[in-house]
């Protein structure tokens, strides 16, 4: 299933100037790591992680045809969040590693953005 936000992001990327695309490409890894840091900090503060699960839901309905009435089934997917136990020490280690990685990626992104600016 394609999420609407991803579609909107793809459309915006298609309208971006070459320099904007260059900067977006240069900072992509940094954005991912920042998102993971936020998720990990939330897990630590809550004391558990949240996992999104998709489950099938089957329903029963009354369907009508040309001259008959019958029962028929319908199925759809439901999405819900479920709490998941975590090892807080391991989660803190992961956060520390992500913060270190973010510093490296910020430096790399600054260099790449400077190249984008000089190419423009």
PDB file of N, CA and C in Angstrom:
ATOM      1  N   UNK A   1       0.847  -1.174   0.000  1.00  0.00           N
ATOM      2  CA  UNK A   1       0.000   0.000   0.000  1.00  0.00           C
ATOM      3  C   UNK A   1       0.890   1.234   0.000  1.00  0.00           C
ATOM      4  N   UNK A   2       0.695   2.124  -0.919  1.00  0.00           N
ATOM      5  CA  UNK A   2       1.469   3.356  -0.992  1.00  0.00           C
ATOM      6  C   UNK A   2       0.776   4.390  -0.112  1.00  0.00           C
ATOM      7  N   UNK A   3       1.528   4.982   0.761  1.00  0.00           N
ATOM      8  CA  UNK A   3       0.968   5.968   1.676  1.00  0.00           C
ATOM      9  C   UNK A   3       0.837   7.312   0.956  1.00  0.00           C
ATOM     10  N   UNK A   4      -0.222   8.056   1.254  1.00  0.00           N
ATOM     11  CA  UNK A   4      -0.445   9.349   0.596  1.00  0.00           C
ATOM     12  C   UNK A   4       0.727  10.317   0.785  1.00  0.00           C
ATOM     13  N   UNK A   5       1.371  10.299   1.939  1.00  0.00           N
ATOM     14  CA  UNK A   5       2.486  11.219   2.177  1.00  0.00           C
ATOM     15  C   UNK A   5       3.638  10.932   1.225  1.00  0.00           C
ATOM     16  N   UNK A   6       3.875   9.651   0.937  1.00  0.00           N
ATOM     17  CA  UNK A   6       4.942   9.300   0.009  1.00  0.00           C
ATOM     18  C   UNK A   6       4.619   9.776  -1.397  1.00  0.00           C
ATOM     19  N   UNK A   7       3.355   9.671  -1.782  1.00  0.00           N
ATOM     20  CA  UNK A   7       2.939  10.153  -3.105  1.00  0.00           C
ATOM     21  C   UNK A   7       3.139  11.657  -3.201  1.00  0.00           C
ATOM     22  N   UNK A   8       2.751  12.379  -2.159  1.00  0.00           N
ATOM     23  CA  UNK A   8       2.918  13.830  -2.171  1.00  0.00           C
ATOM     24  C   UNK A   8       4.397  14.196  -2.233  1.00  0.00           C
ATOM     25  N   UNK A   9       5.224  13.468  -1.486  1.00  0.00           N
ATOM     26  CA  UNK A   9       6.661  13.726  -1.504  1.00  0.00           C
ATOM     27  C   UNK A   9       7.239  13.473  -2.890  1.00  0.00           C
ATOM     28  N   UNK A  10       6.793  12.420  -3.540  1.00  0.00           N
ATOM     29  CA  UNK A  10       7.278  12.111  -4.891  1.00  0.00           C
ATOM     30  C   UNK A  10       6.880  13.210  -5.872  1.00  0.00           C
ATOM     31  N   UNK A  11       5.669  13.719  -5.744  1.00  0.00           N
ATOM     32  CA  UNK A  11       5.223  14.804  -6.618  1.00  0.00           C
ATOM     33  C   UNK A  11       6.031  16.074  -6.378  1.00  0.00           C
ATOM     34  N   UNK A  12       6.305  16.376  -5.111  1.00  0.00           N
ATOM     35  CA  UNK A  12       7.102  17.560  -4.807  1.00  0.00           C
ATOM     36  C   UNK A  12       8.527  17.411  -5.328  1.00  0.00           C
ATOM     37  N   UNK A  13       9.076  16.206  -5.219  1.00  0.00           N
ATOM     38  CA  UNK A  13      10.436  15.971  -5.707  1.00  0.00           C
ATOM     39  C   UNK A  13      10.497  16.169  -7.224  1.00  0.00           C
ATOM     40  N   UNK A  14       9.441  15.804  -7.904  1.00  0.00           N
ATOM     41  CA  UNK A  14       9.416  15.958  -9.358  1.00  0.00           C
ATOM     42  C   UNK A  14       9.409  17.435  -9.757  1.00  0.00           C
ATOM     43  N   UNK A  15       8.894  18.300  -8.878  1.00  0.00           N
ATOM     44  CA  UNK A  15       8.826  19.726  -9.173  1.00  0.00           C
ATOM     45  C   UNK A  15      10.058  20.474  -8.680  1.00  0.00           C
ATOM     46  N   UNK A  16      10.945  19.812  -7.959  1.00  0.00           N
ATOM     47  CA  UNK A  16      12.105  20.480  -7.373  1.00  0.00           C
ATOM     48  C   UNK A  16      13.124  20.849  -8.445  1.00  0.00           C
ATOM     49  N   UNK A  17      13.852  21.917  -8.153  1.00  0.00           N
ATOM     50  CA  UNK A  17      14.925  22.327  -9.054  1.00  0.00           C
ATOM     51  C   UNK A  17      16.088  21.341  -8.918  1.00  0.00           C
ATOM     52  N   UNK A  18      17.010  21.344  -9.852  1.00  0.00           N
ATOM     53  CA  UNK A  18      18.168  20.447  -9.743  1.00  0.00           C
ATOM     54  C   UNK A  18      18.939  20.646  -8.434  1.00  0.00           C
ATOM     55  N   UNK A  19      19.080  21.900  -8.000  1.00  0.00           N
ATOM     56  CA  UNK A  19      19.795  22.150  -6.747  1.00  0.00           C
ATOM     57  C   UNK A  19      19.010  21.585  -5.561  1.00  0.00           C
ATOM     58  N   UNK A  20      17.690  21.767  -5.565  1.00  0.00           N
ATOM     59  CA  UNK A  20      16.864  21.235  -4.478  1.00  0.00           C
ATOM     60  C   UNK A  20      16.936  19.710  -4.435  1.00  0.00           C
ATOM     61  N   UNK A  21      16.948  19.077  -5.595  1.00  0.00           N
ATOM     62  CA  UNK A  21      17.085  17.616  -5.635  1.00  0.00           C
ATOM     63  C   UNK A  21      18.451  17.195  -5.132  1.00  0.00           C
ATOM     64  N   UNK A  22      19.478  17.954  -5.483  1.00  0.00           N
ATOM     65  CA  UNK A  22      20.835  17.656  -5.038  1.00  0.00           C
ATOM     66  C   UNK A  22      20.911  17.725  -3.512  1.00  0.00           C
ATOM     67  N   UNK A  23      20.338  18.782  -2.932  1.00  0.00           N
ATOM     68  CA  UNK A  23      20.347  18.946  -1.474  1.00  0.00           C
ATOM     69  C   UNK A  23      19.522  17.837  -0.815  1.00  0.00           C
ATOM     70  N   UNK A  24      18.375  17.507  -1.394  1.00  0.00           N
ATOM     71  CA  UNK A  24      17.536  16.446  -0.830  1.00  0.00           C
ATOM     72  C   UNK A  24      18.278  15.113  -0.851  1.00  0.00           C
ATOM     73  N   UNK A  25      18.965  14.829  -1.949  1.00  0.00           N
ATOM     74  CA  UNK A  25      19.748  13.596  -2.035  1.00  0.00           C
ATOM     75  C   UNK A  25      20.883  13.597  -1.020  1.00  0.00           C
ATOM     76  N   UNK A  26      21.507  14.750  -0.832  1.00  0.00           N
ATOM     77  CA  UNK A  26      22.650  14.862   0.072  1.00  0.00           C
ATOM     78  C   UNK A  26      22.247  14.694   1.528  1.00  0.00           C
ATOM     79  N   UNK A  27      21.005  14.981   1.859  1.00  0.00           N
ATOM     80  CA  UNK A  27      20.562  14.922   3.250  1.00  0.00           C
ATOM     81  C   UNK A  27      19.630  13.742   3.548  1.00  0.00           C
ATOM     82  N   UNK A  28      19.434  12.880   2.572  1.00  0.00           N
ATOM     83  CA  UNK A  28      18.491  11.768   2.759  1.00  0.00           C
ATOM     84  C   UNK A  28      18.870  10.872   3.935  1.00  0.00           C
ATOM     85  N   UNK A  29      20.117  10.435   3.999  1.00  0.00           N
ATOM     86  CA  UNK A  29      20.540   9.557   5.099  1.00  0.00           C
ATOM     87  C   UNK A  29      20.395  10.260   6.446  1.00  0.00           C
ATOM     88  N   UNK A  30      20.706  11.537   6.483  1.00  0.00           N
ATOM     89  CA  UNK A  30      20.582  12.308   7.718  1.00  0.00           C
ATOM     90  C   UNK A  30      19.122  12.362   8.172  1.00  0.00           C
ATOM     91  N   UNK A  31      18.202  12.556   7.237  1.00  0.00           N
ATOM     92  CA  UNK A  31      16.778  12.583   7.590  1.00  0.00           C
ATOM     93  C   UNK A  31      16.328  11.236   8.143  1.00  0.00           C
ATOM     94  N   UNK A  32      16.810  10.151   7.542  1.00  0.00           N
ATOM     95  CA  UNK A  32      16.442   8.806   8.021  1.00  0.00           C
ATOM     96  C   UNK A  32      16.955   8.604   9.437  1.00  0.00           C
ATOM     97  N   UNK A  33      18.219   8.965   9.683  1.00  0.00           N
ATOM     98  CA  UNK A  33      18.794   8.779  11.020  1.00  0.00           C
ATOM     99  C   UNK A  33      18.067   9.661  12.040  1.00  0.00           C
ATOM    100  N   UNK A  34      17.721  10.888  11.669  1.00  0.00           N
ATOM    101  CA  UNK A  34      16.968  11.750  12.588  1.00  0.00           C
ATOM    102  C   UNK A  34      15.617  11.139  12.931  1.00  0.00           C
ATOM    103  N   UNK A  35      14.975  10.533  11.963  1.00  0.00           N
ATOM    104  CA  UNK A  35      13.695   9.872  12.207  1.00  0.00           C
ATOM    105  C   UNK A  35      13.870   8.677  13.155  1.00  0.00           C
ATOM    106  N   UNK A  36      14.933   7.908  12.945  1.00  0.00           N
ATOM    107  CA  UNK A  36      15.202   6.764  13.822  1.00  0.00           C
ATOM    108  C   UNK A  36      15.542   7.219  15.235  1.00  0.00           C
ATOM    109  N   UNK A  37      16.247   8.333  15.358  1.00  0.00           N
ATOM    110  CA  UNK A  37      16.561   8.874  16.683  1.00  0.00           C
ATOM    111  C   UNK A  37      15.267   9.255  17.407  1.00  0.00           C
ATOM    112  N   UNK A  38      14.376   9.941  16.715  1.00  0.00           N
ATOM    113  CA  UNK A  38      13.104  10.343  17.324  1.00  0.00           C
ATOM    114  C   UNK A  38      12.298   9.121  17.756  1.00  0.00           C
ATOM    115  N   UNK A  39      12.260   8.106  16.907  1.00  0.00           N
ATOM    116  CA  UNK A  39      11.528   6.879  17.242  1.00  0.00           C
ATOM    117  C   UNK A  39      12.142   6.197  18.460  1.00  0.00           C
ATOM    118  N   UNK A  40      13.475   6.107  18.495  1.00  0.00           N
ATOM    119  CA  UNK A  40      14.164   5.446  19.597  1.00  0.00           C
ATOM    120  C   UNK A  40      13.991   6.221  20.899  1.00  0.00           C
ATOM    121  N   UNK A  41      14.067   7.553  20.834  1.00  0.00           N
ATOM    122  CA  UNK A  41      13.834   8.364  22.031  1.00  0.00           C
ATOM    123  C   UNK A  41      12.415   8.154  22.558  1.00  0.00           C
ATOM    124  N   UNK A  42      11.451   8.071  21.651  1.00  0.00           N
ATOM    125  CA  UNK A  42      10.068   7.800  22.068  1.00  0.00           C
ATOM    126  C   UNK A  42       9.937   6.441  22.727  1.00  0.00           C
ATOM    127  N   UNK A  43      10.609   5.442  22.164  1.00  0.00           N
ATOM    128  CA  UNK A  43      10.577   4.103  22.758  1.00  0.00           C
ATOM    129  C   UNK A  43      11.135   4.122  24.168  1.00  0.00           C
ATOM    130  N   UNK A  44      12.254   4.805  24.354  1.00  0.00           N
ATOM    131  CA  UNK A  44      12.884   4.856  25.672  1.00  0.00           C
ATOM    132  C   UNK A  44      11.986   5.596  26.662  1.00  0.00           C
ATOM    133  N   UNK A  45      11.414   6.708  26.248  1.00  0.00           N
ATOM    134  CA  UNK A  45      10.573   7.473  27.175  1.00  0.00           C
ATOM    135  C   UNK A  45       9.293   6.718  27.543  1.00  0.00           C
ATOM    136  N   UNK A  46       8.733   5.954  26.602  1.00  0.00           N
ATOM    137  CA  UNK A  46       7.535   5.156  26.890  1.00  0.00           C
ATOM    138  C   UNK A  46       7.867   3.890  27.655  1.00  0.00           C
ATOM    139  N   UNK A  47       9.040   3.326  27.363  1.00  0.00           N
ATOM    140  CA  UNK A  47       9.414   2.045  27.958  1.00  0.00           C
ATOM    141  C   UNK A  47       9.038   0.863  27.079  1.00  0.00           C
ATOM    142  N   UNK A  48       8.513   1.127  25.908  1.00  0.00           N
ATOM    143  CA  UNK A  48       8.149   0.075  24.949  1.00  0.00           C
ATOM    144  C   UNK A  48       8.128   0.675  23.553  1.00  0.00           C
ATOM    145  N   UNK A  49       8.218  -0.194  22.555  1.00  0.00           N
ATOM    146  CA  UNK A  49       8.131   0.229  21.160  1.00  0.00           C
ATOM    147  C   UNK A  49       6.689   0.076  20.690  1.00  0.00           C
ATOM    148  N   UNK A  50       6.394   0.683  19.573  1.00  0.00           N
ATOM    149  CA  UNK A  50       5.073   0.563  18.959  1.00  0.00           C
ATOM    150  C   UNK A  50       5.273  -0.011  17.569  1.00  0.00           C
ATOM    151  N   UNK A  51       4.595  -1.112  17.314  1.00  0.00           N
ATOM    152  CA  UNK A  51       4.693  -1.791  16.023  1.00  0.00           C
ATOM    153  C   UNK A  51       3.358  -1.645  15.293  1.00  0.00           C
ATOM    154  N   UNK A  52       3.397  -1.278  14.037  1.00  0.00           N
ATOM    155  CA  UNK A  52       2.181  -1.191  13.233  1.00  0.00           C
ATOM    156  C   UNK A  52       1.945  -2.525  12.554  1.00  0.00           C
ATOM    157  N   UNK A  53       0.777  -3.087  12.781  1.00  0.00           N
ATOM    158  CA  UNK A  53       0.446  -4.377  12.180  1.00  0.00           C
ATOM    159  C   UNK A  53      -0.791  -4.231  11.300  1.00  0.00           C
ATOM    160  N   UNK A  54      -0.805  -4.976  10.219  1.00  0.00           N
ATOM    161  CA  UNK A  54      -1.946  -5.010   9.315  1.00  0.00           C
ATOM    162  C   UNK A  54      -2.622  -6.360   9.484  1.00  0.00           C
ATOM    163  N   UNK A  55      -3.903  -6.312   9.761  1.00  0.00           N
ATOM    164  CA  UNK A  55      -4.649  -7.547   9.987  1.00  0.00           C
ATOM    165  C   UNK A  55      -5.850  -7.610   9.053  1.00  0.00           C
ATOM    166  N   UNK A  56      -6.147  -8.798   8.573  1.00  0.00           N
ATOM    167  CA  UNK A  56      -7.347  -8.927   7.739  1.00  0.00           C
ATOM    168  C   UNK A  56      -8.602  -8.902   8.609  1.00  0.00           C
ATOM    169  N   UNK A  57      -9.644  -8.313   8.087  1.00  0.00           N
ATOM    170  CA  UNK A  57     -10.934  -8.319   8.779  1.00  0.00           C
ATOM    171  C   UNK A  57     -11.957  -8.819   7.771  1.00  0.00           C
ATOM    172  N   UNK A  58     -12.625  -9.891   8.129  1.00  0.00           N
ATOM    173  CA  UNK A  58     -13.629 -10.478   7.244  1.00  0.00           C
ATOM    174  C   UNK A  58     -15.005 -10.169   7.825  1.00  0.00           C
ATOM    175  N   UNK A  59     -15.870  -9.668   6.978  1.00  0.00           N
ATOM    176  CA  UNK A  59     -17.206  -9.303   7.411  1.00  0.00           C
ATOM    177  C   UNK A  59     -18.261 -10.087   6.647  1.00  0.00           C
ATOM    178  N   UNK A  60     -19.446 -10.083   7.194  1.00  0.00           N
ATOM    179  CA  UNK A  60     -20.573 -10.770   6.574  1.00  0.00           C
ATOM    180  C   UNK A  60     -21.607  -9.707   6.225  1.00  0.00           C
ATOM    181  N   UNK A  61     -22.123  -9.770   5.028  1.00  0.00           N
ATOM    182  CA  UNK A  61     -23.099  -8.778   4.570  1.00  0.00           C
ATOM    183  C   UNK A  61     -24.232  -9.480   3.836  1.00  0.00           C
ATOM    184  N   UNK A  62     -25.303  -8.782   3.687  1.00  0.00           N
ATOM    185  CA  UNK A  62     -26.419  -9.285   2.891  1.00  0.00           C
ATOM    186  C   UNK A  62     -26.295  -8.663   1.509  1.00  0.00           C
ATOM    187  N   UNK A  63     -26.208  -9.509   0.507  1.00  0.00           N
ATOM    188  CA  UNK A  63     -26.049  -9.044  -0.864  1.00  0.00           C
ATOM    189  C   UNK A  63     -27.316  -9.364  -1.643  1.00  0.00           C
ATOM    190  N   UNK A  64     -27.659  -8.485  -2.542  1.00  0.00           N
ATOM    191  CA  UNK A  64     -28.846  -8.715  -3.359  1.00  0.00           C
ATOM    192  C   UNK A  64     -28.422  -8.854  -4.812  1.00  0.00           C
ATOM    193  N   UNK A  65     -29.061  -9.753  -5.472  1.00  0.00           N
ATOM    194  CA  UNK A  65     -28.817  -9.960  -6.888  1.00  0.00           C
ATOM    195  C   UNK A  65     -30.052  -9.556  -7.662  1.00  0.00           C
ATOM    196  N   UNK A  66     -30.219 -10.150  -8.798  1.00  0.00           N
ATOM    197  CA  UNK A  66     -31.379  -9.812  -9.632  1.00  0.00           C
ATOM    198  C   UNK A  66     -32.684 -10.183  -8.949  1.00  0.00           C
ATOM    199  N   UNK A  67     -32.753 -11.402  -8.461  1.00  0.00           N
ATOM    200  CA  UNK A  67     -34.014 -11.809  -7.838  1.00  0.00           C
ATOM    201  C   UNK A  67     -33.783 -12.587  -6.556  1.00  0.00           C
ATOM    202  N   UNK A  68     -32.560 -12.520  -6.023  1.00  0.00           N
ATOM    203  CA  UNK A  68     -32.313 -13.278  -4.807  1.00  0.00           C
ATOM    204  C   UNK A  68     -31.525 -12.436  -3.798  1.00  0.00           C
ATOM    205  N   UNK A  69     -31.592 -12.899  -2.567  1.00  0.00           N
ATOM    206  CA  UNK A  69     -30.845 -12.286  -1.474  1.00  0.00           C
ATOM    207  C   UNK A  69     -29.955 -13.377  -0.899  1.00  0.00           C
ATOM    208  N   UNK A  70     -28.706 -13.040  -0.637  1.00  0.00           N
ATOM    209  CA  UNK A  70     -27.779 -14.035  -0.111  1.00  0.00           C
ATOM    210  C   UNK A  70     -26.808 -13.363   0.846  1.00  0.00           C
ATOM    211  N   UNK A  71     -26.152 -14.190   1.614  1.00  0.00           N
ATOM    212  CA  UNK A  71     -25.079 -13.701   2.459  1.00  0.00           C
ATOM    213  C   UNK A  71     -23.786 -13.746   1.656  1.00  0.00           C
ATOM    214  N   UNK A  72     -22.971 -12.738   1.812  1.00  0.00           N
ATOM    215  CA  UNK A  72     -21.673 -12.748   1.159  1.00  0.00           C
ATOM    216  C   UNK A  72     -20.643 -12.172   2.133  1.00  0.00           C
ATOM    217  N   UNK A  73     -19.407 -12.479   1.862  1.00  0.00           N
ATOM    218  CA  UNK A  73     -18.340 -12.016   2.744  1.00  0.00           C
ATOM    219  C   UNK A  73     -17.568 -10.877   2.075  1.00  0.00           C
ATOM    220  N   UNK A  74     -17.011 -10.067   2.909  1.00  0.00           N
ATOM    221  CA  UNK A  74     -16.138  -9.013   2.425  1.00  0.00           C
ATOM    222  C   UNK A  74     -14.880  -9.034   3.282  1.00  0.00           C
ATOM    223  N   UNK A  75     -13.778  -8.658   2.693  1.00  0.00           N
ATOM    224  CA  UNK A  75     -12.555  -8.603   3.483  1.00  0.00           C
ATOM    225  C   UNK A  75     -11.882  -7.257   3.267  1.00  0.00           C
ATOM    226  N   UNK A  76     -11.254  -6.789   4.297  1.00  0.00           N
ATOM    227  CA  UNK A  76     -10.510  -5.542   4.233  1.00  0.00           C
ATOM    228  C   UNK A  76      -9.331  -5.650   5.186  1.00  0.00           C
ATOM    229  N   UNK A  77      -8.402  -4.776   5.024  1.00  0.00           N
ATOM    230  CA  UNK A  77      -7.223  -4.761   5.886  1.00  0.00           C
ATOM    231  C   UNK A  77      -7.390  -3.644   6.920  1.00  0.00           C
ATOM    232  N   UNK A  78      -7.135  -3.962   8.176  1.00  0.00           N
ATOM    233  CA  UNK A  78      -7.134  -2.941   9.210  1.00  0.00           C
ATOM    234  C   UNK A  78      -5.707  -2.778   9.718  1.00  0.00           C
ATOM    235  N   UNK A  79      -5.372  -1.568  10.034  1.00  0.00           N
ATOM    236  CA  UNK A  79      -4.032  -1.258  10.535  1.00  0.00           C
ATOM    237  C   UNK A  79      -4.178  -0.768  11.970  1.00  0.00           C
ATOM    238  N   UNK A  80      -3.357  -1.320  12.847  1.00  0.00           N
ATOM    239  CA  UNK A  80      -3.397  -0.869  14.234  1.00  0.00           C
ATOM    240  C   UNK A  80      -1.989  -0.893  14.815  1.00  0.00           C
ATOM    241  N   UNK A  81      -1.806  -0.133  15.864  1.00  0.00           N
ATOM    242  CA  UNK A  81      -0.522  -0.103  16.564  1.00  0.00           C
ATOM    243  C   UNK A  81      -0.593  -1.054  17.749  1.00  0.00           C
ATOM    244  N   UNK A  82       0.531  -1.741  17.980  1.00  0.00           N
ATOM    245  CA  UNK A  82       0.589  -2.720  19.060  1.00  0.00           C
ATOM    246  C   UNK A  82       1.865  -2.461  19.864  1.00  0.00           C
ATOM    247  N   UNK A  83       1.768  -2.429  21.199  1.00  0.00           N
ATOM    248  CA  UNK A  83       2.967  -2.241  22.007  1.00  0.00           C
ATOM    249  C   UNK A  83       3.858  -3.483  21.960  1.00  0.00           C
ATOM    250  N   UNK A  84       5.170  -3.257  21.963  1.00  0.00           N
ATOM    251  CA  UNK A  84       6.144  -4.342  21.901  1.00  0.00           C
ATOM    252  C   UNK A  84       7.190  -4.097  22.993  1.00  0.00           C
ATOM    253  N   UNK A  85       7.494  -5.127  23.757  1.00  0.00           N
ATOM    254  CA  UNK A  85       8.500  -5.012  24.809  1.00  0.00           C
ATOM    255  C   UNK A  85       9.876  -4.785  24.192  1.00  0.00           C
ATOM    256  N   UNK A  86      10.691  -3.979  24.862  1.00  0.00           N
ATOM    257  CA  UNK A  86      12.050  -3.705  24.380  1.00  0.00           C
ATOM    258  C   UNK A  86      13.034  -3.852  25.533  1.00  0.00           C
ATOM    259  N   UNK A  87      14.282  -4.033  25.192  1.00  0.00           N
ATOM    260  CA  UNK A  87      15.378  -4.014  26.147  1.00  0.00           C
ATOM    261  C   UNK A  87      15.858  -2.570  26.215  1.00  0.00           C
ATOM    262  N   UNK A  88      15.589  -1.892  27.333  1.00  0.00           N
ATOM    263  CA  UNK A  88      15.903  -0.471  27.432  1.00  0.00           C
ATOM    264  C   UNK A  88      17.400  -0.198  27.297  1.00  0.00           C
ATOM    265  N   UNK A  89      18.236  -1.085  27.825  1.00  0.00           N
ATOM    266  CA  UNK A  89      19.682  -0.890  27.708  1.00  0.00           C
ATOM    267  C   UNK A  89      20.113  -0.979  26.240  1.00  0.00           C
ATOM    268  N   UNK A  90      19.595  -1.955  25.525  1.00  0.00           N
ATOM    269  CA  UNK A  90      19.926  -2.110  24.101  1.00  0.00           C
ATOM    270  C   UNK A  90      19.392  -0.921  23.306  1.00  0.00           C
ATOM    271  N   UNK A  91      18.214  -0.429  23.673  1.00  0.00           N
ATOM    272  CA  UNK A  91      17.626   0.717  22.978  1.00  0.00           C
ATOM    273  C   UNK A  91      18.485   1.967  23.205  1.00  0.00           C
ATOM    274  N   UNK A  92      19.009   2.119  24.426  1.00  0.00           N
ATOM    275  CA  UNK A  92      19.886   3.253  24.722  1.00  0.00           C
ATOM    276  C   UNK A  92      21.182   3.153  23.932  1.00  0.00           C
ATOM    277  N   UNK A  93      21.711   1.937  23.814  1.00  0.00           N
ATOM    278  CA  UNK A  93      22.916   1.732  23.002  1.00  0.00           C
ATOM    279  C   UNK A  93      22.659   2.096  21.547  1.00  0.00           C
ATOM    280  N   UNK A  94      21.509   1.678  21.056  1.00  0.00           N
ATOM    281  CA  UNK A  94      21.136   2.003  19.679  1.00  0.00           C
ATOM    282  C   UNK A  94      21.051   3.517  19.505  1.00  0.00           C
ATOM    283  N   UNK A  95      20.437   4.199  20.475  1.00  0.00           N
ATOM    284  CA  UNK A  95      20.316   5.653  20.410  1.00  0.00           C
ATOM    285  C   UNK A  95      21.698   6.312  20.405  1.00  0.00           C
ATOM    286  N   UNK A  96      22.587   5.847  21.255  1.00  0.00           N
ATOM    287  CA  UNK A  96      23.943   6.407  21.303  1.00  0.00           C
ATOM    288  C   UNK A  96      24.644   6.238  19.956  1.00  0.00           C
ATOM    289  N   UNK A  97      24.499   5.076  19.351  1.00  0.00           N
ATOM    290  CA  UNK A  97      25.101   4.832  18.038  1.00  0.00           C
ATOM    291  C   UNK A  97      24.503   5.716  16.961  1.00  0.00           C
ATOM    292  N   UNK A  98      23.195   5.914  17.004  1.00  0.00           N
ATOM    293  CA  UNK A  98      22.533   6.774  16.020  1.00  0.00           C
ATOM    294  C   UNK A  98      22.969   8.229  16.168  1.00  0.00           C
ATOM    295  N   UNK A  99      23.132   8.674  17.404  1.00  0.00           N
ATOM    296  CA  UNK A  99      23.567  10.052  17.633  1.00  0.00           C
ATOM    297  C   UNK A  99      24.982  10.249  17.095  1.00  0.00           C
ATOM    298  N   UNK A 100      25.849   9.263  17.308  1.00  0.00           N
ATOM    299  CA  UNK A 100      27.208   9.328  16.755  1.00  0.00           C
ATOM    300  C   UNK A 100      27.153   9.366  15.236  1.00  0.00           C
ATOM    301  N   UNK A 101      26.333   8.501  14.654  1.00  0.00           N
ATOM    302  CA  UNK A 101      26.205   8.449  13.197  1.00  0.00           C
ATOM    303  C   UNK A 101      25.655   9.761  12.655  1.00  0.00           C
ATOM    304  N   UNK A 102      24.726  10.374  13.389  1.00  0.00           N
ATOM    305  CA  UNK A 102      24.160  11.647  12.940  1.00  0.00           C
ATOM    306  C   UNK A 102      25.254  12.704  12.794  1.00  0.00           C
ATOM    307  N   UNK A 103      26.187  12.739  13.732  1.00  0.00           N
ATOM    308  CA  UNK A 103      27.288  13.700  13.635  1.00  0.00           C
ATOM    309  C   UNK A 103      28.090  13.502  12.363  1.00  0.00           C
ATOM    310  N   UNK A 104      28.389  12.246  12.019  1.00  0.00           N
ATOM    311  CA  UNK A 104      29.120  11.947  10.785  1.00  0.00           C
ATOM    312  C   UNK A 104      28.317  12.373   9.559  1.00  0.00           C
ATOM    313  N   UNK A 105      27.030  12.073   9.577  1.00  0.00           N
ATOM    314  CA  UNK A 105      26.180  12.395   8.427  1.00  0.00           C
ATOM    315  C   UNK A 105      25.973  13.896   8.262  1.00  0.00           C
ATOM    316  N   UNK A 106      25.935  14.636   9.374  1.00  0.00           N
ATOM    317  CA  UNK A 106      25.807  16.091   9.275  1.00  0.00           C
ATOM    318  C   UNK A 106      27.018  16.681   8.564  1.00  0.00           C
ATOM    319  N   UNK A 107      28.200  16.182   8.911  1.00  0.00           N
ATOM    320  CA  UNK A 107      29.422  16.660   8.268  1.00  0.00           C
ATOM    321  C   UNK A 107      29.411  16.319   6.774  1.00  0.00           C
ATOM    322  N   UNK A 108      29.049  15.080   6.455  1.00  0.00           N
ATOM    323  CA  UNK A 108      28.985  14.659   5.058  1.00  0.00           C
ATOM    324  C   UNK A 108      27.940  15.472   4.288  1.00  0.00           C
ATOM    325  N   UNK A 109      26.802  15.724   4.919  1.00  0.00           N
ATOM    326  CA  UNK A 109      25.733  16.489   4.257  1.00  0.00           C
ATOM    327  C   UNK A 109      26.186  17.925   3.993  1.00  0.00           C
ATOM    328  N   UNK A 110      26.873  18.544   4.956  1.00  0.00           N
ATOM    329  CA  UNK A 110      27.356  19.913   4.750  1.00  0.00           C
ATOM    330  C   UNK A 110      28.290  19.988   3.551  1.00  0.00           C
ATOM    331  N   UNK A 111      29.183  19.004   3.440  1.00  0.00           N
ATOM    332  CA  UNK A 111      30.111  18.980   2.303  1.00  0.00           C
ATOM    333  C   UNK A 111      29.352  18.808   0.985  1.00  0.00           C
ATOM    334  N   UNK A 112      28.401  17.884   0.990  1.00  0.00           N
ATOM    335  CA  UNK A 112      27.640  17.621  -0.236  1.00  0.00           C
ATOM    336  C   UNK A 112      26.787  18.834  -0.617  1.00  0.00           C
ATOM    337  N   UNK A 113      26.217  19.520   0.358  1.00  0.00           N
ATOM    338  CA  UNK A 113      25.410  20.716   0.077  1.00  0.00           C
ATOM    339  C   UNK A 113      26.303  21.803  -0.503  1.00  0.00           C
ATOM    340  N   UNK A 114      27.511  21.924   0.006  1.00  0.00           N
ATOM    341  CA  UNK A 114      28.441  22.908  -0.555  1.00  0.00           C
ATOM    342  C   UNK A 114      28.741  22.602  -2.022  1.00  0.00           C
ATOM    343  N   UNK A 115      28.857  21.312  -2.355  1.00  0.00           N
ATOM    344  CA  UNK A 115      29.075  20.932  -3.751  1.00  0.00           C
ATOM    345  C   UNK A 115      27.834  21.255  -4.584  1.00  0.00           C
ATOM    346  N   UNK A 116      26.647  21.033  -4.005  1.00  0.00           N
ATOM    347  CA  UNK A 116      25.414  21.366  -4.721  1.00  0.00           C
ATOM    348  C   UNK A 116      25.368  22.864  -5.014  1.00  0.00           C
ATOM    349  N   UNK A 117      25.746  23.655  -4.015  1.00  0.00           N
ATOM    350  CA  UNK A 117      25.713  25.115  -4.182  1.00  0.00           C
ATOM    351  C   UNK A 117      26.730  25.579  -5.234  1.00  0.00           C
ATOM    352  N   UNK A 118      27.901  24.961  -5.235  1.00  0.00           N
ATOM    353  CA  UNK A 118      28.917  25.385  -6.201  1.00  0.00           C
ATOM    354  C   UNK A 118      28.575  24.937  -7.622  1.00  0.00           C
ATOM    355  N   UNK A 119      27.816  23.856  -7.755  1.00  0.00           N
ATOM    356  CA  UNK A 119      27.417  23.367  -9.067  1.00  0.00           C
ATOM    357  C   UNK A 119      26.268  24.184  -9.658  1.00  0.00           C
ATOM    358  N   UNK A 120      25.535  24.875  -8.783  1.00  0.00           N
ATOM    359  CA  UNK A 120      24.366  25.643  -9.255  1.00  0.00           C
ATOM    360  C   UNK A 120      24.749  26.936  -9.927  1.00  0.00           C
TER     361      UNK A 120
END
